[in-house]
Amino acid sequence: MKLPKSINILSQVYEVESVSDVIIDENRNMLYGRCLFEESRILIYNYNSTQAFKTLLHEIIHAICRDLNLYDAEHNEKFIDTLATGLTDTLIRNDLIKIKESKK
């Protein structure tokens, strides 16, 4: 999947960066994406088109929840991941988005 270079989320422009390896957070967790709120950047490990799209949606939902004061990282992670999975599946099944898997 070709990721956008930037994305406007509630009037805040986030730069989107494709990274070549999983992201390791401060707790040594492996992540497929990360929203860096203070830097207005979203990092996506782009190894699979469908997963990259789902991860991008996941990070967009994080940004929306934070900007609307709905953000609680400890309790929202499972909800956000499940919502991103459901949205990705719905958009693909209803041909609202087309994702071509890249050949490696």
PDB file of N, CA and C in Angstrom:
ATOM      1  N   MET A   1       0.839  -1.181   0.000  1.00  0.00           N
ATOM      2  CA  MET A   1       0.000   0.000   0.000  1.00  0.00           C
ATOM      3  C   MET A   1       0.877   1.233   0.000  1.00  0.00           C
ATOM      4  N   LYS A   2       0.527   2.163  -0.856  1.00  0.00           N
ATOM      5  CA  LYS A   2       1.245   3.430  -0.869  1.00  0.00           C
ATOM      6  C   LYS A   2       0.620   4.325   0.196  1.00  0.00           C
ATOM      7  N   LEU A   3       1.379   4.607   1.213  1.00  0.00           N
ATOM      8  CA  LEU A   3       0.887   5.448   2.301  1.00  0.00           C
ATOM      9  C   LEU A   3       0.876   6.910   1.868  1.00  0.00           C
ATOM     10  N   PRO A   4      -0.087   7.690   2.376  1.00  0.00           N
ATOM     11  CA  PRO A   4      -0.065   9.123   2.084  1.00  0.00           C
ATOM     12  C   PRO A   4       1.140   9.758   2.771  1.00  0.00           C
ATOM     13  N   LYS A   5       1.623  10.857   2.216  1.00  0.00           N
ATOM     14  CA  LYS A   5       2.752  11.567   2.834  1.00  0.00           C
ATOM     15  C   LYS A   5       2.317  12.316   4.084  1.00  0.00           C
ATOM     16  N   SER A   6       1.049  12.725   4.091  1.00  0.00           N
ATOM     17  CA  SER A   6       0.495  13.405   5.262  1.00  0.00           C
ATOM     18  C   SER A   6      -1.005  13.161   5.294  1.00  0.00           C
ATOM     19  N   ILE A   7      -1.581  13.413   6.461  1.00  0.00           N
ATOM     20  CA  ILE A   7      -3.016  13.239   6.620  1.00  0.00           C
ATOM     21  C   ILE A   7      -3.528  14.302   7.588  1.00  0.00           C
ATOM     22  N   ASN A   8      -4.670  14.909   7.233  1.00  0.00           N
ATOM     23  CA  ASN A   8      -5.272  15.950   8.055  1.00  0.00           C
ATOM     24  C   ASN A   8      -6.298  15.298   8.972  1.00  0.00           C
ATOM     25  N   ILE A   9      -6.064  15.392  10.277  1.00  0.00           N
ATOM     26  CA  ILE A   9      -6.948  14.800  11.275  1.00  0.00           C
ATOM     27  C   ILE A   9      -7.446  15.927  12.172  1.00  0.00           C
ATOM     28  N   LEU A  10      -8.720  16.265  12.042  1.00  0.00           N
ATOM     29  CA  LEU A  10      -9.334  17.332  12.841  1.00  0.00           C
ATOM     30  C   LEU A  10      -8.508  18.624  12.769  1.00  0.00           C
ATOM     31  N   SER A  11      -8.140  19.006  11.567  1.00  0.00           N
ATOM     32  CA  SER A  11      -7.396  20.231  11.258  1.00  0.00           C
ATOM     33  C   SER A  11      -5.926  20.200  11.680  1.00  0.00           C
ATOM     34  N   GLN A  12      -5.433  19.067  12.126  1.00  0.00           N
ATOM     35  CA  GLN A  12      -4.015  18.915  12.453  1.00  0.00           C
ATOM     36  C   GLN A  12      -3.392  18.024  11.391  1.00  0.00           C
ATOM     37  N   VAL A  13      -2.365  18.511  10.720  1.00  0.00           N
ATOM     38  CA  VAL A  13      -1.695  17.734   9.680  1.00  0.00           C
ATOM     39  C   VAL A  13      -0.598  16.886  10.318  1.00  0.00           C
ATOM     40  N   TYR A  14      -0.706  15.584  10.088  1.00  0.00           N
ATOM     41  CA  TYR A  14       0.296  14.628  10.561  1.00  0.00           C
ATOM     42  C   TYR A  14       1.097  14.141   9.364  1.00  0.00           C
ATOM     43  N   GLU A  15       2.411  14.150   9.474  1.00  0.00           N
ATOM     44  CA  GLU A  15       3.267  13.548   8.462  1.00  0.00           C
ATOM     45  C   GLU A  15       3.207  12.033   8.671  1.00  0.00           C
ATOM     46  N   VAL A  16       3.108  11.274   7.577  1.00  0.00           N
ATOM     47  CA  VAL A  16       3.048   9.812   7.655  1.00  0.00           C
ATOM     48  C   VAL A  16       4.358   9.274   7.097  1.00  0.00           C
ATOM     49  N   GLU A  17       5.006   8.432   7.886  1.00  0.00           N
ATOM     50  CA  GLU A  17       6.305   7.897   7.500  1.00  0.00           C
ATOM     51  C   GLU A  17       6.272   6.371   7.520  1.00  0.00           C
ATOM     52  N   SER A  18       6.659   5.769   6.417  1.00  0.00           N
ATOM     53  CA  SER A  18       6.792   4.323   6.328  1.00  0.00           C
ATOM     54  C   SER A  18       8.157   3.937   6.890  1.00  0.00           C
ATOM     55  N   VAL A  19       8.156   2.975   7.810  1.00  0.00           N
ATOM     56  CA  VAL A  19       9.418   2.513   8.386  1.00  0.00           C
ATOM     57  C   VAL A  19       9.652   1.065   7.971  1.00  0.00           C
ATOM     58  N   SER A  20      10.917   0.667   7.910  1.00  0.00           N
ATOM     59  CA  SER A  20      11.267  -0.651   7.367  1.00  0.00           C
ATOM     60  C   SER A  20      11.307  -1.761   8.404  1.00  0.00           C
ATOM     61  N   ASP A  21      11.077  -1.441   9.650  1.00  0.00           N
ATOM     62  CA  ASP A  21      11.095  -2.474  10.683  1.00  0.00           C
ATOM     63  C   ASP A  21      10.060  -2.135  11.751  1.00  0.00           C
ATOM     64  N   VAL A  22       9.705  -3.119  12.567  1.00  0.00           N
ATOM     65  CA  VAL A  22       8.760  -2.853  13.647  1.00  0.00           C
ATOM     66  C   VAL A  22       9.346  -1.787  14.568  1.00  0.00           C
ATOM     67  N   ILE A  23       8.466  -1.110  15.264  1.00  0.00           N
ATOM     68  CA  ILE A  23       8.851  -0.025  16.164  1.00  0.00           C
ATOM     69  C   ILE A  23       8.924  -0.603  17.573  1.00  0.00           C
ATOM     70  N   ILE A  24       9.971  -0.263  18.293  1.00  0.00           N
ATOM     71  CA  ILE A  24      10.126  -0.704  19.677  1.00  0.00           C
ATOM     72  C   ILE A  24       9.858   0.511  20.572  1.00  0.00           C
ATOM     73  N   ASP A  25       8.868   0.383  21.474  1.00  0.00           N
ATOM     74  CA  ASP A  25       8.542   1.508  22.344  1.00  0.00           C
ATOM     75  C   ASP A  25       9.412   1.497  23.600  1.00  0.00           C
ATOM     76  N   GLU A  26       9.149   2.459  24.477  1.00  0.00           N
ATOM     77  CA  GLU A  26       9.956   2.611  25.692  1.00  0.00           C
ATOM     78  C   GLU A  26       9.828   1.418  26.648  1.00  0.00           C
ATOM     79  N   ASN A  27       8.778   0.623  26.504  1.00  0.00           N
ATOM     80  CA  ASN A  27       8.596  -0.583  27.321  1.00  0.00           C
ATOM     81  C   ASN A  27       9.060  -1.851  26.601  1.00  0.00           C
ATOM     82  N   ARG A  28       9.743  -1.669  25.487  1.00  0.00           N
ATOM     83  CA  ARG A  28      10.289  -2.750  24.665  1.00  0.00           C
ATOM     84  C   ARG A  28       9.206  -3.591  23.998  1.00  0.00           C
ATOM     85  N   ASN A  29       8.022  -2.976  23.772  1.00  0.00           N
ATOM     86  CA  ASN A  29       6.953  -3.623  23.012  1.00  0.00           C
ATOM     87  C   ASN A  29       7.195  -3.409  21.525  1.00  0.00           C
ATOM     88  N   MET A  30       6.870  -4.414  20.706  1.00  0.00           N
ATOM     89  CA  MET A  30       6.981  -4.275  19.255  1.00  0.00           C
ATOM     90  C   MET A  30       5.653  -3.733  18.726  1.00  0.00           C
ATOM     91  N   LEU A  31       5.723  -2.668  17.929  1.00  0.00           N
ATOM     92  CA  LEU A  31       4.536  -2.015  17.394  1.00  0.00           C
ATOM     93  C   LEU A  31       4.608  -1.960  15.871  1.00  0.00           C
ATOM     94  N   TYR A  32       3.435  -2.029  15.218  1.00  0.00           N
ATOM     95  CA  TYR A  32       3.366  -1.856  13.768  1.00  0.00           C
ATOM     96  C   TYR A  32       3.172  -0.393  13.393  1.00  0.00           C
ATOM     97  N   GLY A  33       2.794   0.424  14.361  1.00  0.00           N
ATOM     98  CA  GLY A  33       2.607   1.850  14.096  1.00  0.00           C
ATOM     99  C   GLY A  33       2.713   2.637  15.378  1.00  0.00           C
ATOM    100  N   ARG A  34       2.868   3.945  15.216  1.00  0.00           N
ATOM    101  CA  ARG A  34       2.973   4.813  16.386  1.00  0.00           C
ATOM    102  C   ARG A  34       2.553   6.208  15.988  1.00  0.00           C
ATOM    103  N   CYS A  35       1.703   6.821  16.791  1.00  0.00           N
ATOM    104  CA  CYS A  35       1.308   8.207  16.582  1.00  0.00           C
ATOM    105  C   CYS A  35       2.110   9.053  17.564  1.00  0.00           C
ATOM    106  N   LEU A  36       2.963   9.898  17.022  1.00  0.00           N
ATOM    107  CA  LEU A  36       3.771  10.795  17.845  1.00  0.00           C
ATOM    108  C   LEU A  36       3.053  12.142  17.879  1.00  0.00           C
ATOM    109  N   PHE A  37       2.185  12.296  18.878  1.00  0.00           N
ATOM    110  CA  PHE A  37       1.300  13.459  18.946  1.00  0.00           C
ATOM    111  C   PHE A  37       2.064  14.778  18.949  1.00  0.00           C
ATOM    112  N   GLU A  38       3.083  14.885  19.788  1.00  0.00           N
ATOM    113  CA  GLU A  38       3.812  16.148  19.925  1.00  0.00           C
ATOM    114  C   GLU A  38       4.558  16.540  18.660  1.00  0.00           C
ATOM    115  N   GLU A  39       4.934  15.551  17.851  1.00  0.00           N
ATOM    116  CA  GLU A  39       5.668  15.804  16.609  1.00  0.00           C
ATOM    117  C   GLU A  39       4.742  15.842  15.394  1.00  0.00           C
ATOM    118  N   SER A  40       3.467  15.552  15.585  1.00  0.00           N
ATOM    119  CA  SER A  40       2.491  15.447  14.482  1.00  0.00           C
ATOM    120  C   SER A  40       2.997  14.512  13.390  1.00  0.00           C
ATOM    121  N   ARG A  41       3.423  13.316  13.842  1.00  0.00           N
ATOM    122  CA  ARG A  41       3.927  12.294  12.912  1.00  0.00           C
ATOM    123  C   ARG A  41       3.289  10.960  13.232  1.00  0.00           C
ATOM    124  N   ILE A  42       3.060  10.189  12.185  1.00  0.00           N
ATOM    125  CA  ILE A  42       2.582   8.817  12.317  1.00  0.00           C
ATOM    126  C   ILE A  42       3.588   7.914  11.624  1.00  0.00           C
ATOM    127  N   LEU A  43       4.082   6.923  12.353  1.00  0.00           N
ATOM    128  CA  LEU A  43       5.021   5.950  11.806  1.00  0.00           C
ATOM    129  C   LEU A  43       4.270   4.652  11.537  1.00  0.00           C
ATOM    130  N   ILE A  44       4.483   4.074  10.375  1.00  0.00           N
ATOM    131  CA  ILE A  44       3.818   2.835   9.986  1.00  0.00           C
ATOM    132  C   ILE A  44       4.851   1.845   9.467  1.00  0.00           C
ATOM    133  N   TYR A  45       4.864   0.639  10.055  1.00  0.00           N
ATOM    134  CA  TYR A  45       5.684  -0.445   9.531  1.00  0.00           C
ATOM    135  C   TYR A  45       4.914  -1.039   8.358  1.00  0.00           C
ATOM    136  N   ASN A  46       5.384  -0.791   7.157  1.00  0.00           N
ATOM    137  CA  ASN A  46       4.642  -1.089   5.929  1.00  0.00           C
ATOM    138  C   ASN A  46       5.132  -2.393   5.301  1.00  0.00           C
ATOM    139  N   TYR A  47       4.829  -3.535   5.945  1.00  0.00           N
ATOM    140  CA  TYR A  47       5.276  -4.818   5.414  1.00  0.00           C
ATOM    141  C   TYR A  47       4.190  -5.537   4.627  1.00  0.00           C
ATOM    142  N   ASN A  48       2.934  -5.139   4.794  1.00  0.00           N
ATOM    143  CA  ASN A  48       1.803  -5.803   4.155  1.00  0.00           C
ATOM    144  C   ASN A  48       0.730  -4.744   3.951  1.00  0.00           C
ATOM    145  N   SER A  49       0.186  -4.648   2.758  1.00  0.00           N
ATOM    146  CA  SER A  49      -0.733  -3.556   2.427  1.00  0.00           C
ATOM    147  C   SER A  49      -1.957  -3.491   3.329  1.00  0.00           C
ATOM    148  N   THR A  50      -2.613  -4.621   3.545  1.00  0.00           N
ATOM    149  CA  THR A  50      -3.805  -4.623   4.393  1.00  0.00           C
ATOM    150  C   THR A  50      -3.442  -4.258   5.823  1.00  0.00           C
ATOM    151  N   GLN A  51      -2.369  -4.828   6.336  1.00  0.00           N
ATOM    152  CA  GLN A  51      -1.932  -4.520   7.704  1.00  0.00           C
ATOM    153  C   GLN A  51      -1.523  -3.054   7.823  1.00  0.00           C
ATOM    154  N   ALA A  52      -0.851  -2.517   6.816  1.00  0.00           N
ATOM    155  CA  ALA A  52      -0.446  -1.108   6.858  1.00  0.00           C
ATOM    156  C   ALA A  52      -1.668  -0.192   6.897  1.00  0.00           C
ATOM    157  N   PHE A  53      -2.693  -0.520   6.105  1.00  0.00           N
ATOM    158  CA  PHE A  53      -3.919   0.287   6.117  1.00  0.00           C
ATOM    159  C   PHE A  53      -4.601   0.206   7.478  1.00  0.00           C
ATOM    160  N   LYS A  54      -4.725  -1.010   8.020  1.00  0.00           N
ATOM    161  CA  LYS A  54      -5.336  -1.184   9.341  1.00  0.00           C
ATOM    162  C   LYS A  54      -4.549  -0.412  10.398  1.00  0.00           C
ATOM    163  N   THR A  55      -3.226  -0.468  10.320  1.00  0.00           N
ATOM    164  CA  THR A  55      -2.382   0.236  11.286  1.00  0.00           C
ATOM    165  C   THR A  55      -2.553   1.746  11.148  1.00  0.00           C
ATOM    166  N   LEU A  56      -2.639   2.235   9.913  1.00  0.00           N
ATOM    167  CA  LEU A  56      -2.869   3.662   9.706  1.00  0.00           C
ATOM    168  C   LEU A  56      -4.208   4.078  10.318  1.00  0.00           C
ATOM    169  N   LEU A  57      -5.265   3.298  10.081  1.00  0.00           N
ATOM    170  CA  LEU A  57      -6.560   3.590  10.709  1.00  0.00           C
ATOM    171  C   LEU A  57      -6.447   3.586  12.235  1.00  0.00           C
ATOM    172  N   HIS A  58      -5.738   2.626  12.767  1.00  0.00           N
ATOM    173  CA  HIS A  58      -5.527   2.507  14.211  1.00  0.00           C
ATOM    174  C   HIS A  58      -4.899   3.802  14.752  1.00  0.00           C
ATOM    175  N   GLU A  59      -3.856   4.280  14.078  1.00  0.00           N
ATOM    176  CA  GLU A  59      -3.168   5.490  14.546  1.00  0.00           C
ATOM    177  C   GLU A  59      -4.034   6.741  14.356  1.00  0.00           C
ATOM    178  N   ILE A  60      -4.837   6.775  13.293  1.00  0.00           N
ATOM    179  CA  ILE A  60      -5.776   7.883  13.089  1.00  0.00           C
ATOM    180  C   ILE A  60      -6.790   7.918  14.230  1.00  0.00           C
ATOM    181  N   ILE A  61      -7.298   6.754  14.622  1.00  0.00           N
ATOM    182  CA  ILE A  61      -8.257   6.695  15.724  1.00  0.00           C
ATOM    183  C   ILE A  61      -7.608   7.187  17.017  1.00  0.00           C
ATOM    184  N   HIS A  62      -6.339   6.823  17.255  1.00  0.00           N
ATOM    185  CA  HIS A  62      -5.625   7.353  18.429  1.00  0.00           C
ATOM    186  C   HIS A  62      -5.623   8.885  18.403  1.00  0.00           C
ATOM    187  N   ALA A  63      -5.289   9.462  17.247  1.00  0.00           N
ATOM    188  CA  ALA A  63      -5.218  10.922  17.138  1.00  0.00           C
ATOM    189  C   ALA A  63      -6.589  11.558  17.367  1.00  0.00           C
ATOM    190  N   ILE A  64      -7.622  10.976  16.786  1.00  0.00           N
ATOM    191  CA  ILE A  64      -8.978  11.509  16.969  1.00  0.00           C
ATOM    192  C   ILE A  64      -9.377  11.446  18.444  1.00  0.00           C
ATOM    193  N   CYS A  65      -9.154  10.296  19.077  1.00  0.00           N
ATOM    194  CA  CYS A  65      -9.509  10.152  20.490  1.00  0.00           C
ATOM    195  C   CYS A  65      -8.752  11.151  21.363  1.00  0.00           C
ATOM    196  N   ARG A  66      -7.481  11.363  21.068  1.00  0.00           N
ATOM    197  CA  ARG A  66      -6.700  12.313  21.858  1.00  0.00           C
ATOM    198  C   ARG A  66      -7.213  13.735  21.653  1.00  0.00           C
ATOM    199  N   ASP A  67      -7.448  14.120  20.410  1.00  0.00           N
ATOM    200  CA  ASP A  67      -7.894  15.488  20.127  1.00  0.00           C
ATOM    201  C   ASP A  67      -9.285  15.772  20.678  1.00  0.00           C
ATOM    202  N   LEU A  68     -10.115  14.745  20.797  1.00  0.00           N
ATOM    203  CA  LEU A  68     -11.472  14.927  21.336  1.00  0.00           C
ATOM    204  C   LEU A  68     -11.553  14.584  22.825  1.00  0.00           C
ATOM    205  N   ASN A  69     -10.390  14.490  23.468  1.00  0.00           N
ATOM    206  CA  ASN A  69     -10.295  14.191  24.905  1.00  0.00           C
ATOM    207  C   ASN A  69     -10.962  12.866  25.278  1.00  0.00           C
ATOM    208  N   LEU A  70     -10.874  11.904  24.389  1.00  0.00           N
ATOM    209  CA  LEU A  70     -11.384  10.561  24.653  1.00  0.00           C
ATOM    210  C   LEU A  70     -10.234   9.591  24.880  1.00  0.00           C
ATOM    211  N   TYR A  71      -9.024  10.115  24.961  1.00  0.00           N
ATOM    212  CA  TYR A  71      -7.832   9.280  24.937  1.00  0.00           C
ATOM    213  C   TYR A  71      -7.444   8.783  26.316  1.00  0.00           C
ATOM    214  N   ASP A  72      -7.273   7.480  26.424  1.00  0.00           N
ATOM    215  CA  ASP A  72      -6.767   6.819  27.609  1.00  0.00           C
ATOM    216  C   ASP A  72      -5.972   5.617  27.090  1.00  0.00           C
ATOM    217  N   ALA A  73      -4.682   5.808  26.879  1.00  0.00           N
ATOM    218  CA  ALA A  73      -3.857   4.801  26.202  1.00  0.00           C
ATOM    219  C   ALA A  73      -3.945   3.432  26.860  1.00  0.00           C
ATOM    220  N   GLU A  74      -3.980   3.387  28.170  1.00  0.00           N
ATOM    221  CA  GLU A  74      -3.985   2.105  28.869  1.00  0.00           C
ATOM    222  C   GLU A  74      -5.258   1.305  28.595  1.00  0.00           C
ATOM    223  N   HIS A  75      -6.396   1.979  28.518  1.00  0.00           N
ATOM    224  CA  HIS A  75      -7.662   1.276  28.379  1.00  0.00           C
ATOM    225  C   HIS A  75      -8.211   1.260  26.951  1.00  0.00           C
ATOM    226  N   ASN A  76      -7.750   2.126  26.098  1.00  0.00           N
ATOM    227  CA  ASN A  76      -8.298   2.230  24.754  1.00  0.00           C
ATOM    228  C   ASN A  76      -7.629   1.343  23.731  1.00  0.00           C
ATOM    229  N   GLU A  77      -6.473   0.792  24.006  1.00  0.00           N
ATOM    230  CA  GLU A  77      -5.701   0.076  22.984  1.00  0.00           C
ATOM    231  C   GLU A  77      -6.486  -1.083  22.373  1.00  0.00           C
ATOM    232  N   LYS A  78      -7.107  -1.913  23.185  1.00  0.00           N
ATOM    233  CA  LYS A  78      -7.868  -3.043  22.654  1.00  0.00           C
ATOM    234  C   LYS A  78      -9.069  -2.548  21.850  1.00  0.00           C
ATOM    235  N   PHE A  79      -9.779  -1.553  22.364  1.00  0.00           N
ATOM    236  CA  PHE A  79     -10.931  -0.982  21.657  1.00  0.00           C
ATOM    237  C   PHE A  79     -10.505  -0.395  20.319  1.00  0.00           C
ATOM    238  N   ILE A  80      -9.442   0.391  20.303  1.00  0.00           N
ATOM    239  CA  ILE A  80      -8.970   1.035  19.076  1.00  0.00           C
ATOM    240  C   ILE A  80      -8.534  -0.008  18.062  1.00  0.00           C
ATOM    241  N   ASP A  81      -7.819  -1.035  18.492  1.00  0.00           N
ATOM    242  CA  ASP A  81      -7.363  -2.069  17.568  1.00  0.00           C
ATOM    243  C   ASP A  81      -8.540  -2.837  16.987  1.00  0.00           C
ATOM    244  N   THR A  82      -9.519  -3.156  17.812  1.00  0.00           N
ATOM    245  CA  THR A  82     -10.705  -3.872  17.338  1.00  0.00           C
ATOM    246  C   THR A  82     -11.505  -3.012  16.363  1.00  0.00           C
ATOM    247  N   LEU A  83     -11.672  -1.738  16.673  1.00  0.00           N
ATOM    248  CA  LEU A  83     -12.383  -0.821  15.779  1.00  0.00           C
ATOM    249  C   LEU A  83     -11.654  -0.687  14.444  1.00  0.00           C
ATOM    250  N   ALA A  84     -10.340  -0.550  14.458  1.00  0.00           N
ATOM    251  CA  ALA A  84      -9.561  -0.442  13.221  1.00  0.00           C
ATOM    252  C   ALA A  84      -9.694  -1.706  12.379  1.00  0.00           C
ATOM    253  N   THR A  85      -9.698  -2.872  13.017  1.00  0.00           N
ATOM    254  CA  THR A  85      -9.876  -4.141  12.304  1.00  0.00           C
ATOM    255  C   THR A  85     -11.250  -4.186  11.642  1.00  0.00           C
ATOM    256  N   GLY A  86     -12.282  -3.823  12.393  1.00  0.00           N
ATOM    257  CA  GLY A  86     -13.639  -3.826  11.858  1.00  0.00           C
ATOM    258  C   GLY A  86     -13.826  -2.840  10.718  1.00  0.00           C
ATOM    259  N   LEU A  87     -13.272  -1.649  10.847  1.00  0.00           N
ATOM    260  CA  LEU A  87     -13.373  -0.655   9.776  1.00  0.00           C
ATOM    261  C   LEU A  87     -12.635  -1.116   8.523  1.00  0.00           C
ATOM    262  N   THR A  88     -11.436  -1.661   8.698  1.00  0.00           N
ATOM    263  CA  THR A  88     -10.663  -2.154   7.549  1.00  0.00           C
ATOM    264  C   THR A  88     -11.442  -3.230   6.809  1.00  0.00           C
ATOM    265  N   ASP A  89     -11.958  -4.205   7.538  1.00  0.00           N
ATOM    266  CA  ASP A  89     -12.716  -5.289   6.925  1.00  0.00           C
ATOM    267  C   ASP A  89     -13.953  -4.760   6.203  1.00  0.00           C
ATOM    268  N   THR A  90     -14.687  -3.863   6.831  1.00  0.00           N
ATOM    269  CA  THR A  90     -15.908  -3.302   6.232  1.00  0.00           C
ATOM    270  C   THR A  90     -15.596  -2.524   4.960  1.00  0.00           C
ATOM    271  N   LEU A  91     -14.570  -1.700   4.994  1.00  0.00           N
ATOM    272  CA  LEU A  91     -14.213  -0.893   3.825  1.00  0.00           C
ATOM    273  C   LEU A  91     -13.761  -1.767   2.660  1.00  0.00           C
ATOM    274  N   ILE A  92     -12.985  -2.815   2.950  1.00  0.00           N
ATOM    275  CA  ILE A  92     -12.511  -3.709   1.896  1.00  0.00           C
ATOM    276  C   ILE A  92     -13.659  -4.539   1.328  1.00  0.00           C
ATOM    277  N   ARG A  93     -14.483  -5.148   2.184  1.00  0.00           N
ATOM    278  CA  ARG A  93     -15.575  -6.020   1.735  1.00  0.00           C
ATOM    279  C   ARG A  93     -16.631  -5.284   0.916  1.00  0.00           C
ATOM    280  N   ASN A  94     -16.778  -3.999   1.173  1.00  0.00           N
ATOM    281  CA  ASN A  94     -17.784  -3.222   0.460  1.00  0.00           C
ATOM    282  C   ASN A  94     -17.187  -2.388  -0.669  1.00  0.00           C
ATOM    283  N   ASP A  95     -15.966  -2.720  -1.053  1.00  0.00           N
ATOM    284  CA  ASP A  95     -15.263  -2.059  -2.158  1.00  0.00           C
ATOM    285  C   ASP A  95     -15.197  -0.538  -2.003  1.00  0.00           C
ATOM    286  N   LEU A  96     -15.116  -0.084  -0.765  1.00  0.00           N
ATOM    287  CA  LEU A  96     -14.963   1.349  -0.527  1.00  0.00           C
ATOM    288  C   LEU A  96     -13.499   1.763  -0.632  1.00  0.00           C
ATOM    289  N   ILE A  97     -12.620   0.802  -0.473  1.00  0.00           N
ATOM    290  CA  ILE A  97     -11.193   1.004  -0.719  1.00  0.00           C
ATOM    291  C   ILE A  97     -10.674  -0.222  -1.452  1.00  0.00           C
ATOM    292  N   LYS A  98      -9.645  -0.028  -2.223  1.00  0.00           N
ATOM    293  CA  LYS A  98      -8.978  -1.122  -2.936  1.00  0.00           C
ATOM    294  C   LYS A  98      -7.545  -1.176  -2.431  1.00  0.00           C
ATOM    295  N   ILE A  99      -7.151  -2.336  -1.992  1.00  0.00           N
ATOM    296  CA  ILE A  99      -5.776  -2.520  -1.519  1.00  0.00           C
ATOM    297  C   ILE A  99      -5.133  -3.588  -2.380  1.00  0.00           C
ATOM    298  N   LYS A 100      -4.030  -3.229  -2.974  1.00  0.00           N
ATOM    299  CA  LYS A 100      -3.254  -4.194  -3.761  1.00  0.00           C
ATOM    300  C   LYS A 100      -2.076  -4.597  -2.903  1.00  0.00           C
ATOM    301  N   GLU A 101      -1.940  -5.891  -2.699  1.00  0.00           N
ATOM    302  CA  GLU A 101      -0.795  -6.394  -1.945  1.00  0.00           C
ATOM    303  C   GLU A 101       0.445  -6.240  -2.801  1.00  0.00           C
ATOM    304  N   SER A 102       1.491  -5.708  -2.187  1.00  0.00           N
ATOM    305  CA  SER A 102       2.737  -5.536  -2.928  1.00  0.00           C
ATOM    306  C   SER A 102       3.446  -6.878  -3.051  1.00  0.00           C
ATOM    307  N   LYS A 103       4.109  -7.077  -4.164  1.00  0.00           N
ATOM    308  CA  LYS A 103       4.860  -8.313  -4.399  1.00  0.00           C
ATOM    309  C   LYS A 103       6.296  -8.075  -3.994  1.00  0.00           C
ATOM    310  N   LYS A 104       6.778  -8.914  -3.098  1.00  0.00           N
ATOM    311  CA  LYS A 104       8.159  -8.755  -2.627  1.00  0.00           C
ATOM    312  C   LYS A 104       9.011  -9.875  -3.111  1.00  0.00           C
TER     313      LYS A 104
END
